N, C-alpha and C. Protein backbone atom coordinates (compact mmCIF):
# COMPACT_ATOMS: atom_id res chain seq x y z
N MET A 1 126.71 129.21 110.39
CA MET A 1 126.23 128.68 109.11
C MET A 1 127.24 127.65 108.60
N PRO A 2 126.75 126.46 108.20
CA PRO A 2 127.68 125.43 107.75
C PRO A 2 128.35 125.82 106.43
N ASN A 3 129.62 125.40 106.29
CA ASN A 3 130.32 125.66 105.02
C ASN A 3 130.04 124.52 104.05
N ASN A 4 130.56 124.66 102.83
CA ASN A 4 130.28 123.67 101.78
C ASN A 4 130.79 122.28 102.16
N GLU A 5 131.94 122.22 102.83
CA GLU A 5 132.48 120.91 103.22
C GLU A 5 131.56 120.24 104.24
N GLU A 6 131.06 121.00 105.22
CA GLU A 6 130.15 120.44 106.22
C GLU A 6 128.84 120.00 105.58
N ILE A 7 128.33 120.80 104.66
CA ILE A 7 127.10 120.44 103.95
C ILE A 7 127.32 119.16 103.15
N GLY A 8 128.47 119.07 102.48
CA GLY A 8 128.80 117.88 101.69
C GLY A 8 128.92 116.63 102.55
N LYS A 9 129.58 116.77 103.69
CA LYS A 9 129.71 115.62 104.61
C LYS A 9 128.34 115.15 105.08
N GLN A 10 127.47 116.11 105.45
CA GLN A 10 126.15 115.74 105.93
C GLN A 10 125.33 115.07 104.83
N ALA A 11 125.45 115.58 103.61
CA ALA A 11 124.73 114.96 102.48
C ALA A 11 125.21 113.53 102.26
N SER A 12 126.50 113.30 102.39
CA SER A 12 127.05 111.96 102.23
C SER A 12 126.54 111.03 103.34
N VAL A 13 126.58 111.50 104.58
CA VAL A 13 126.07 110.71 105.71
C VAL A 13 124.59 110.41 105.52
N ASP A 14 123.82 111.42 105.13
CA ASP A 14 122.38 111.23 104.90
C ASP A 14 122.14 110.15 103.84
N GLY A 15 122.90 110.21 102.75
CA GLY A 15 122.72 109.23 101.68
C GLY A 15 122.93 107.80 102.17
N PHE A 16 124.03 107.58 102.90
CA PHE A 16 124.28 106.23 103.43
C PHE A 16 123.21 105.84 104.45
N ALA A 17 122.86 106.75 105.33
CA ALA A 17 121.84 106.45 106.34
C ALA A 17 120.51 106.11 105.69
N HIS A 18 120.16 106.83 104.64
CA HIS A 18 118.88 106.59 103.97
C HIS A 18 118.84 105.22 103.30
N GLU A 19 119.98 104.75 102.81
CA GLU A 19 120.02 103.39 102.25
C GLU A 19 119.69 102.37 103.35
N TYR A 20 120.27 102.55 104.53
CA TYR A 20 120.00 101.63 105.63
C TYR A 20 118.55 101.73 106.10
N ILE A 21 118.02 102.94 106.14
CA ILE A 21 116.63 103.13 106.57
C ILE A 21 115.68 102.42 105.60
N VAL A 22 115.89 102.64 104.30
CA VAL A 22 115.03 101.99 103.30
C VAL A 22 115.17 100.48 103.40
N ALA A 23 116.41 99.99 103.52
CA ALA A 23 116.61 98.54 103.63
C ALA A 23 115.86 97.99 104.85
N GLY A 24 115.91 98.70 105.96
CA GLY A 24 115.22 98.25 107.17
C GLY A 24 113.71 98.24 107.01
N ILE A 25 113.18 99.29 106.41
CA ILE A 25 111.72 99.36 106.17
C ILE A 25 111.29 98.22 105.25
N LEU A 26 112.05 98.00 104.17
CA LEU A 26 111.70 96.94 103.23
C LEU A 26 111.88 95.56 103.85
N MET A 27 112.89 95.40 104.71
CA MET A 27 113.14 94.12 105.37
C MET A 27 111.98 93.74 106.28
N LYS A 28 111.40 94.72 106.98
CA LYS A 28 110.25 94.44 107.83
C LYS A 28 109.09 93.87 107.01
N ARG A 29 108.97 94.30 105.77
CA ARG A 29 107.86 93.88 104.92
C ARG A 29 108.18 92.63 104.10
N TYR A 30 109.39 92.57 103.53
CA TYR A 30 109.73 91.50 102.58
C TYR A 30 110.75 90.50 103.12
N GLN A 31 111.32 90.74 104.24
CA GLN A 31 112.27 89.88 104.94
C GLN A 31 113.60 89.70 104.21
N ASN A 32 113.61 89.15 103.02
CA ASN A 32 114.85 88.80 102.32
C ASN A 32 115.35 90.01 101.52
N VAL A 33 115.94 90.96 102.24
CA VAL A 33 116.40 92.24 101.68
C VAL A 33 117.84 92.44 102.09
N SER A 34 118.66 92.96 101.18
CA SER A 34 120.05 93.18 101.51
C SER A 34 120.59 94.43 100.83
N LEU A 35 121.43 95.15 101.55
CA LEU A 35 122.21 96.22 100.92
C LEU A 35 123.23 95.56 100.00
N VAL A 36 123.54 96.20 98.91
CA VAL A 36 124.51 95.70 97.95
C VAL A 36 125.87 96.29 98.30
N ASP A 37 126.85 95.45 98.53
CA ASP A 37 128.19 95.90 98.89
C ASP A 37 129.09 95.90 97.65
N LEU A 38 128.61 96.56 96.62
CA LEU A 38 129.35 96.69 95.36
C LEU A 38 129.40 98.17 95.02
N PRO A 39 130.52 98.85 95.26
CA PRO A 39 130.57 100.30 95.15
C PRO A 39 130.28 100.86 93.76
N LEU A 40 130.45 100.08 92.72
CA LEU A 40 130.18 100.57 91.37
C LEU A 40 128.83 100.11 90.83
N SER A 41 128.04 99.46 91.67
CA SER A 41 126.73 98.98 91.26
C SER A 41 125.76 100.15 91.09
N PRO A 42 124.89 100.10 90.08
CA PRO A 42 123.91 101.17 89.89
C PRO A 42 122.68 101.02 90.78
N TYR A 43 122.69 100.05 91.69
CA TYR A 43 121.59 99.90 92.64
C TYR A 43 122.17 99.65 94.02
N ASP A 44 121.35 99.93 95.05
CA ASP A 44 121.80 99.89 96.44
C ASP A 44 121.28 98.70 97.22
N ILE A 45 120.13 98.19 96.82
CA ILE A 45 119.42 97.16 97.60
C ILE A 45 118.89 96.08 96.66
N ILE A 46 118.89 94.86 97.15
CA ILE A 46 118.27 93.73 96.45
C ILE A 46 117.14 93.21 97.33
N ILE A 47 115.98 92.99 96.71
CA ILE A 47 114.86 92.34 97.39
C ILE A 47 114.64 91.01 96.68
N ALA A 48 114.64 89.91 97.43
CA ALA A 48 114.34 88.59 96.87
C ALA A 48 112.98 88.17 97.42
N ARG A 49 111.96 88.27 96.56
CA ARG A 49 110.58 87.97 96.97
C ARG A 49 110.14 86.63 96.44
N LYS A 50 109.46 85.87 97.28
CA LYS A 50 108.82 84.63 96.82
C LYS A 50 107.49 84.99 96.19
N LEU A 51 107.26 84.50 95.00
CA LEU A 51 106.00 84.73 94.30
C LEU A 51 105.01 83.62 94.65
N PRO A 52 103.72 83.85 94.41
CA PRO A 52 102.71 82.83 94.73
C PRO A 52 102.97 81.48 94.05
N ASP A 53 103.61 81.50 92.87
CA ASP A 53 103.89 80.24 92.17
C ASP A 53 105.16 79.55 92.68
N GLY A 54 105.79 80.11 93.73
CA GLY A 54 106.98 79.52 94.32
C GLY A 54 108.28 80.03 93.75
N LYS A 55 108.23 80.74 92.64
CA LYS A 55 109.44 81.30 92.03
C LYS A 55 109.92 82.49 92.84
N GLU A 56 111.16 82.87 92.60
CA GLU A 56 111.73 84.03 93.28
C GLU A 56 111.87 85.19 92.31
N ASP A 57 111.50 86.37 92.77
CA ASP A 57 111.63 87.59 91.98
C ASP A 57 112.68 88.48 92.64
N ILE A 58 113.69 88.87 91.89
CA ILE A 58 114.75 89.75 92.40
C ILE A 58 114.46 91.16 91.92
N VAL A 59 114.36 92.10 92.84
CA VAL A 59 114.12 93.51 92.52
C VAL A 59 115.35 94.32 92.93
N ARG A 60 115.90 95.06 91.96
CA ARG A 60 117.07 95.92 92.20
C ARG A 60 116.58 97.33 92.48
N VAL A 61 116.96 97.87 93.64
CA VAL A 61 116.45 99.16 94.10
C VAL A 61 117.58 100.17 94.24
N GLN A 62 117.37 101.35 93.71
CA GLN A 62 118.28 102.48 93.89
C GLN A 62 117.62 103.46 94.84
N VAL A 63 118.32 103.87 95.89
CA VAL A 63 117.76 104.78 96.89
C VAL A 63 118.23 106.20 96.60
N LYS A 64 117.29 107.14 96.66
CA LYS A 64 117.59 108.56 96.47
C LYS A 64 116.94 109.35 97.59
N THR A 65 117.67 110.31 98.13
CA THR A 65 117.07 111.23 99.10
C THR A 65 116.13 112.15 98.35
N ALA A 66 114.93 112.34 98.86
CA ALA A 66 113.91 113.14 98.17
C ALA A 66 113.36 114.19 99.13
N LYS A 67 113.72 115.43 98.89
CA LYS A 67 113.15 116.51 99.71
C LYS A 67 111.96 117.13 98.99
N THR A 68 112.16 117.58 97.76
CA THR A 68 111.07 118.13 96.96
C THR A 68 110.92 117.39 95.64
N SER A 69 111.96 116.62 95.26
CA SER A 69 111.93 115.87 94.01
C SER A 69 112.80 114.63 94.16
N VAL A 70 112.70 113.73 93.18
CA VAL A 70 113.52 112.52 93.14
C VAL A 70 114.35 112.59 91.87
N SER A 71 115.67 112.43 92.04
CA SER A 71 116.59 112.42 90.90
C SER A 71 116.66 111.02 90.32
N PHE A 72 116.79 110.94 89.00
CA PHE A 72 116.90 109.66 88.32
C PHE A 72 118.32 109.40 87.80
N THR A 73 119.28 110.23 88.19
CA THR A 73 120.64 110.08 87.67
C THR A 73 121.53 109.35 88.64
N GLY A 74 122.61 108.82 88.12
CA GLY A 74 123.62 108.15 88.92
C GLY A 74 124.98 108.37 88.28
N GLY A 75 126.01 107.88 88.96
CA GLY A 75 127.35 107.96 88.40
C GLY A 75 128.14 109.19 88.77
N THR A 76 127.50 110.14 89.45
CA THR A 76 128.22 111.34 89.87
C THR A 76 128.52 111.24 91.35
N ARG A 77 129.53 111.93 91.79
CA ARG A 77 129.89 111.94 93.19
C ARG A 77 129.05 112.97 93.93
N GLY A 78 128.68 112.65 95.14
CA GLY A 78 127.93 113.58 95.96
C GLY A 78 128.63 113.79 97.27
N GLY A 79 128.04 114.60 98.09
CA GLY A 79 128.56 114.81 99.43
C GLY A 79 129.94 115.44 99.42
N VAL A 80 130.79 114.99 100.33
CA VAL A 80 132.11 115.59 100.51
C VAL A 80 133.00 115.35 99.30
N ASP A 81 132.77 114.30 98.51
CA ASP A 81 133.60 113.97 97.35
C ASP A 81 133.05 114.53 96.05
N ARG A 82 132.20 115.50 96.14
CA ARG A 82 131.53 116.03 94.95
C ARG A 82 132.51 116.45 93.85
N ALA A 83 133.70 116.97 94.22
CA ALA A 83 134.66 117.43 93.23
C ALA A 83 135.51 116.29 92.66
N TYR A 84 135.38 115.09 93.21
CA TYR A 84 136.15 113.94 92.76
C TYR A 84 135.80 113.62 91.31
N LYS A 85 136.83 113.41 90.51
CA LYS A 85 136.63 113.10 89.10
C LYS A 85 137.06 111.66 88.86
N SER A 86 136.19 110.86 88.34
CA SER A 86 136.53 109.47 88.05
C SER A 86 136.14 109.18 86.61
N ASP A 87 136.37 107.95 86.20
CA ASP A 87 136.00 107.56 84.84
C ASP A 87 134.54 107.12 84.76
N VAL A 88 133.82 107.20 85.88
CA VAL A 88 132.40 106.86 85.89
C VAL A 88 131.62 108.04 85.31
N LYS A 89 130.77 107.77 84.37
CA LYS A 89 129.99 108.81 83.70
C LYS A 89 128.57 108.85 84.25
N THR A 90 128.01 110.04 84.24
CA THR A 90 126.64 110.22 84.69
C THR A 90 125.69 109.47 83.76
N TYR A 91 124.70 108.83 84.33
CA TYR A 91 123.70 108.11 83.53
C TYR A 91 122.33 108.33 84.17
N VAL A 92 121.30 108.08 83.38
CA VAL A 92 119.93 108.13 83.88
C VAL A 92 119.49 106.69 84.12
N GLN A 93 118.88 106.44 85.27
CA GLN A 93 118.42 105.10 85.60
C GLN A 93 117.45 104.58 84.55
N SER A 94 117.52 103.28 84.30
CA SER A 94 116.66 102.60 83.34
C SER A 94 116.51 101.15 83.79
N PRO A 95 115.66 100.38 83.14
CA PRO A 95 115.55 98.96 83.50
C PRO A 95 116.87 98.19 83.32
N ASP A 96 117.81 98.74 82.55
CA ASP A 96 119.11 98.10 82.42
C ASP A 96 119.95 98.24 83.68
N THR A 97 119.72 99.29 84.46
CA THR A 97 120.55 99.56 85.64
C THR A 97 119.88 99.20 86.96
N SER A 98 118.56 99.33 87.04
CA SER A 98 117.82 98.97 88.26
C SER A 98 116.35 98.81 87.89
N ASP A 99 115.58 98.29 88.82
CA ASP A 99 114.15 98.06 88.57
C ASP A 99 113.27 99.16 89.15
N CYS A 100 113.70 99.73 90.26
CA CYS A 100 112.87 100.73 90.93
C CYS A 100 113.76 101.71 91.70
N ILE A 101 113.41 102.96 91.62
CA ILE A 101 114.04 103.98 92.46
C ILE A 101 113.12 104.19 93.65
N VAL A 102 113.71 104.26 94.83
CA VAL A 102 112.95 104.60 96.02
C VAL A 102 113.44 105.95 96.50
N GLY A 103 112.56 106.93 96.39
CA GLY A 103 112.86 108.25 96.93
C GLY A 103 112.43 108.29 98.37
N LEU A 104 113.37 108.51 99.28
CA LEU A 104 113.06 108.56 100.70
C LEU A 104 112.95 110.02 101.11
N ARG A 105 111.77 110.39 101.59
CA ARG A 105 111.55 111.75 102.09
C ARG A 105 111.42 111.71 103.61
N PRO A 106 112.40 112.33 104.31
CA PRO A 106 112.28 112.43 105.77
C PRO A 106 111.20 113.45 106.14
N ASN A 107 110.35 113.09 107.06
CA ASN A 107 109.32 114.00 107.55
C ASN A 107 109.78 114.66 108.84
N GLU A 108 109.18 115.78 109.17
CA GLU A 108 109.59 116.54 110.36
C GLU A 108 109.40 115.77 111.66
N ASN A 109 108.47 114.82 111.68
CA ASN A 109 108.17 114.08 112.92
C ASN A 109 109.04 112.82 113.08
N GLY A 110 110.07 112.68 112.24
CA GLY A 110 110.96 111.53 112.35
C GLY A 110 110.52 110.31 111.57
N THR A 111 109.40 110.40 110.85
CA THR A 111 108.96 109.30 109.99
C THR A 111 109.49 109.53 108.58
N PHE A 112 109.22 108.58 107.71
CA PHE A 112 109.71 108.67 106.33
C PHE A 112 108.61 108.25 105.36
N ASP A 113 108.59 108.89 104.21
CA ASP A 113 107.74 108.45 103.10
C ASP A 113 108.64 107.87 102.03
N LEU A 114 108.16 106.79 101.42
CA LEU A 114 108.89 106.15 100.33
C LEU A 114 108.12 106.35 99.03
N TYR A 115 108.78 106.88 98.03
CA TYR A 115 108.19 107.06 96.71
C TYR A 115 108.79 105.99 95.80
N PHE A 116 107.96 105.08 95.31
CA PHE A 116 108.42 103.98 94.47
C PHE A 116 108.25 104.37 93.00
N ILE A 117 109.37 104.57 92.30
CA ILE A 117 109.34 104.97 90.89
C ILE A 117 109.95 103.86 90.04
N PRO A 118 109.13 103.06 89.36
CA PRO A 118 109.68 102.03 88.49
C PRO A 118 110.51 102.67 87.37
N THR A 119 111.64 102.07 87.08
CA THR A 119 112.51 102.67 86.05
C THR A 119 111.89 102.60 84.65
N VAL A 120 110.89 101.74 84.46
CA VAL A 120 110.22 101.70 83.15
C VAL A 120 109.51 103.02 82.85
N LEU A 121 109.25 103.83 83.87
CA LEU A 121 108.58 105.12 83.66
C LEU A 121 109.54 106.23 83.23
N ILE A 122 110.80 106.10 83.56
CA ILE A 122 111.73 107.21 83.41
C ILE A 122 111.87 107.67 81.96
N GLU A 123 111.95 106.74 81.03
CA GLU A 123 112.05 107.15 79.62
C GLU A 123 110.78 107.87 79.16
N HIS A 124 109.66 107.56 79.76
CA HIS A 124 108.41 108.23 79.42
C HIS A 124 108.33 109.63 80.02
N PHE A 125 109.00 109.83 81.16
CA PHE A 125 109.03 111.15 81.78
C PHE A 125 109.83 112.13 80.93
N GLY A 126 110.95 111.67 80.38
CA GLY A 126 111.80 112.55 79.59
C GLY A 126 112.52 113.60 80.43
N THR A 127 112.64 113.36 81.73
CA THR A 127 113.33 114.29 82.62
C THR A 127 114.31 113.51 83.50
N LYS A 128 115.21 114.22 84.15
CA LYS A 128 116.19 113.60 85.04
C LYS A 128 115.75 113.61 86.49
N SER A 129 114.56 114.13 86.74
CA SER A 129 113.99 114.13 88.09
C SER A 129 112.49 114.38 87.98
N LYS A 130 111.80 114.18 89.08
CA LYS A 130 110.36 114.43 89.12
C LYS A 130 110.01 115.00 90.50
N GLY A 131 109.20 116.05 90.50
CA GLY A 131 108.74 116.65 91.75
C GLY A 131 107.81 115.70 92.49
N LEU A 132 107.92 115.68 93.81
CA LEU A 132 107.12 114.75 94.61
C LEU A 132 105.62 114.99 94.45
N GLY A 133 105.20 116.23 94.25
CA GLY A 133 103.78 116.52 94.08
C GLY A 133 103.18 115.87 92.86
N THR A 134 103.98 115.69 91.81
CA THR A 134 103.46 115.10 90.57
C THR A 134 103.40 113.58 90.63
N ILE A 135 104.08 112.98 91.61
CA ILE A 135 104.09 111.51 91.72
C ILE A 135 103.51 111.06 93.07
N GLU A 136 102.62 111.84 93.60
CA GLU A 136 102.04 111.57 94.92
C GLU A 136 101.44 110.18 95.03
N PHE A 137 100.84 109.67 93.95
CA PHE A 137 100.19 108.35 94.04
C PHE A 137 101.21 107.22 94.20
N LEU A 138 102.49 107.50 93.99
CA LEU A 138 103.54 106.50 94.17
C LEU A 138 104.02 106.42 95.63
N LYS A 139 103.60 107.40 96.45
CA LYS A 139 104.06 107.48 97.83
C LYS A 139 103.52 106.31 98.65
N ASN A 140 104.45 105.58 99.25
CA ASN A 140 104.13 104.44 100.13
C ASN A 140 103.22 103.41 99.47
N ASN A 141 103.29 103.33 98.14
CA ASN A 141 102.45 102.43 97.37
C ASN A 141 103.26 101.17 97.04
N TYR A 142 103.23 100.21 97.95
CA TYR A 142 104.03 99.00 97.80
C TYR A 142 103.59 98.16 96.61
N ASN A 143 102.36 98.31 96.17
CA ASN A 143 101.89 97.61 94.98
C ASN A 143 102.74 98.01 93.77
N ILE A 144 103.16 99.26 93.73
CA ILE A 144 104.02 99.73 92.63
C ILE A 144 105.36 99.01 92.68
N LEU A 145 105.96 98.92 93.86
CA LEU A 145 107.24 98.22 94.01
C LEU A 145 107.10 96.76 93.59
N GLU A 146 106.06 96.12 94.04
CA GLU A 146 105.87 94.69 93.76
C GLU A 146 105.61 94.41 92.28
N ASN A 147 105.13 95.41 91.55
CA ASN A 147 104.85 95.25 90.12
C ASN A 147 105.76 96.11 89.24
N CYS A 148 106.88 96.56 89.79
CA CYS A 148 107.72 97.52 89.07
C CYS A 148 108.26 97.01 87.75
N LYS A 149 108.34 95.70 87.57
CA LYS A 149 108.85 95.13 86.31
C LYS A 149 107.73 94.74 85.34
N ASN A 150 106.49 94.95 85.75
CA ASN A 150 105.34 94.64 84.90
C ASN A 150 105.05 95.87 84.04
N TYR A 151 105.67 95.93 82.89
CA TYR A 151 105.65 97.11 82.03
C TYR A 151 104.24 97.60 81.73
N SER A 152 103.37 96.73 81.26
CA SER A 152 102.03 97.18 80.85
C SER A 152 101.23 97.68 82.05
N TYR A 153 101.35 97.00 83.20
CA TYR A 153 100.65 97.44 84.40
C TYR A 153 101.09 98.84 84.81
N ILE A 154 102.39 99.06 84.87
CA ILE A 154 102.94 100.35 85.31
C ILE A 154 102.59 101.45 84.32
N ILE A 155 102.74 101.20 83.05
CA ILE A 155 102.46 102.22 82.03
C ILE A 155 100.96 102.58 82.03
N ASN A 156 100.10 101.59 82.10
CA ASN A 156 98.66 101.85 82.13
C ASN A 156 98.26 102.64 83.38
N LEU A 157 98.82 102.29 84.53
CA LEU A 157 98.53 103.01 85.76
C LEU A 157 99.02 104.45 85.69
N ALA A 158 100.21 104.65 85.15
CA ALA A 158 100.76 106.00 85.01
C ALA A 158 99.91 106.84 84.07
N LYS A 159 99.39 106.23 83.02
CA LYS A 159 98.49 106.97 82.11
C LYS A 159 97.18 107.33 82.82
N GLU A 160 96.63 106.38 83.58
CA GLU A 160 95.40 106.65 84.36
C GLU A 160 95.59 107.82 85.33
N GLN A 161 96.77 107.89 85.92
CA GLN A 161 97.10 108.92 86.90
C GLN A 161 97.52 110.23 86.23
N GLY A 162 97.70 110.20 84.91
CA GLY A 162 98.05 111.40 84.16
C GLY A 162 99.48 111.88 84.31
N ILE A 163 100.39 110.97 84.65
CA ILE A 163 101.79 111.40 84.79
C ILE A 163 102.62 111.11 83.54
N ILE A 164 102.06 110.37 82.60
CA ILE A 164 102.71 110.20 81.29
C ILE A 164 101.65 110.34 80.22
């Protein structure tokens, strides 16, 4: 049976690997995608999309491992460094920190599901996480990612789906 240190190391490795997996999946679709090499940044990935009018839209993405739920918090240490104390304080994601959270759920067959949660929804949830069953319509729904900064679209869709 693994000890806490081994579990922490694996959680840390999984977190980094999941960032690369999400970046790769998004790169296949949107091409201009990059991991952010800023350790204190509240987001992990940048997507630079060309819009139909020729303008560029920058989407800031935070990646979270999602087994049964997706966490909306940041600023705490995970994995092997969980006991590390820094001056970084825990915060809940919002449009000030990122545009969309992507919860990556590994499936047993080696595939992955991506849950796209626009940060504009988080204040309406009033929670620090959400169970995957309650946000099923966000699973692999790239339209949500592409419209994650469109407040009225996202809020109206969430109301239609009964999640807010």
